[in-house]
Protein backbone atom coordinates (compact mmCIF):
# COMPACT_ATOMS: atom_id res chain seq x y z
CA MET A 1 14.97 3.00 3.45
CA ILE A 2 13.00 -0.23 3.87
CA VAL A 3 14.78 -3.47 4.40
CA ASN A 4 12.67 -6.33 2.94
CA ARG A 5 13.36 -9.08 5.56
CA VAL A 6 11.51 -12.49 6.03
CA CYS A 7 11.74 -14.81 8.75
CA PHE A 8 13.98 -17.43 8.45
CA LYS A 9 11.90 -20.51 9.70
CA CYS A 10 8.31 -19.91 8.16
CA GLY A 11 9.21 -17.21 5.61
CA SER A 12 6.76 -14.62 6.91
CA SER A 13 7.49 -10.92 6.43
CA LEU A 14 4.83 -9.76 9.22
CA PHE A 15 6.84 -8.55 12.22
CA VAL A 16 5.90 -7.46 15.83
CA SER A 17 7.86 -5.70 18.47
CA ASP A 18 7.37 -7.74 21.56
CA ARG A 19 7.38 -5.72 24.54
CA SER A 20 8.42 -8.51 26.78
CA LEU A 21 11.65 -8.85 25.01
CA GLY A 22 12.30 -5.38 24.92
CA GLY A 23 11.06 -4.37 21.81
CA LYS A 24 12.78 -7.21 19.99
CA MET A 25 11.35 -7.81 16.56
CA VAL A 26 9.42 -11.34 16.26
CA CYS A 27 7.60 -13.31 13.86
CA SER A 28 3.82 -12.68 13.96
CA ARG A 29 3.28 -16.26 12.64
CA CYS A 30 5.91 -18.52 14.32
CA GLY A 31 7.61 -16.05 17.02
CA SER A 32 10.85 -16.46 15.93
CA SER A 33 13.44 -13.78 15.83
CA LEU A 34 15.77 -15.33 13.14
CA PHE A 35 15.29 -13.42 10.07
CA LYS A 36 17.04 -13.08 6.58
CA ASN A 37 17.23 -10.62 3.83
CA LYS A 38 14.31 -11.27 1.13
CA PRO A 39 16.29 -11.32 -2.29
CA SER A 40 15.73 -8.67 -4.68
CA SER A 41 12.89 -9.60 -7.41
CA PHE A 42 15.23 -7.82 -10.09
CA LEU A 43 18.33 -10.53 -9.22
CA THR A 44 16.14 -13.52 -9.04
CA ARG A 45 14.88 -12.22 -12.71
CA LYS A 46 18.12 -11.76 -14.30
CA LYS A 47 19.47 -15.22 -13.25
CA LEU A 48 16.52 -16.67 -14.67
CA ILE A 49 17.26 -14.82 -17.95
CA PHE A 50 20.90 -16.05 -17.93
CA LEU A 51 19.96 -19.35 -17.34
CA ALA A 52 17.28 -19.13 -20.31
CA ILE A 53 20.02 -17.92 -22.14
CA GLY A 54 22.52 -20.87 -21.28
CA ILE A 55 19.66 -23.41 -21.91
CA ALA A 56 19.08 -21.97 -25.42
CA ILE A 57 22.43 -22.06 -26.16
CA PHE A 58 23.37 -25.64 -25.06
CA ILE A 59 20.11 -26.85 -27.41
CA ILE A 60 21.53 -25.06 -30.18
CA ILE A 61 24.91 -26.37 -29.95
CA PHE A 62 24.53 -30.14 -28.79
CA GLY A 63 20.69 -30.20 -30.71
């Protein structure tokens, strides 16, 4: 299973294993070792759909 991670500082998803740090994964752009999980595109699309429905209902009720 592949976990989609991005660098916490620069947002890059390119990582390398740094041999001088004992194989610790670091960002290839900025050298940071801080990562966060990339949000699933399905969840973000789902949130956008609910937001659009909410705005449409608001416009219908108060418009």
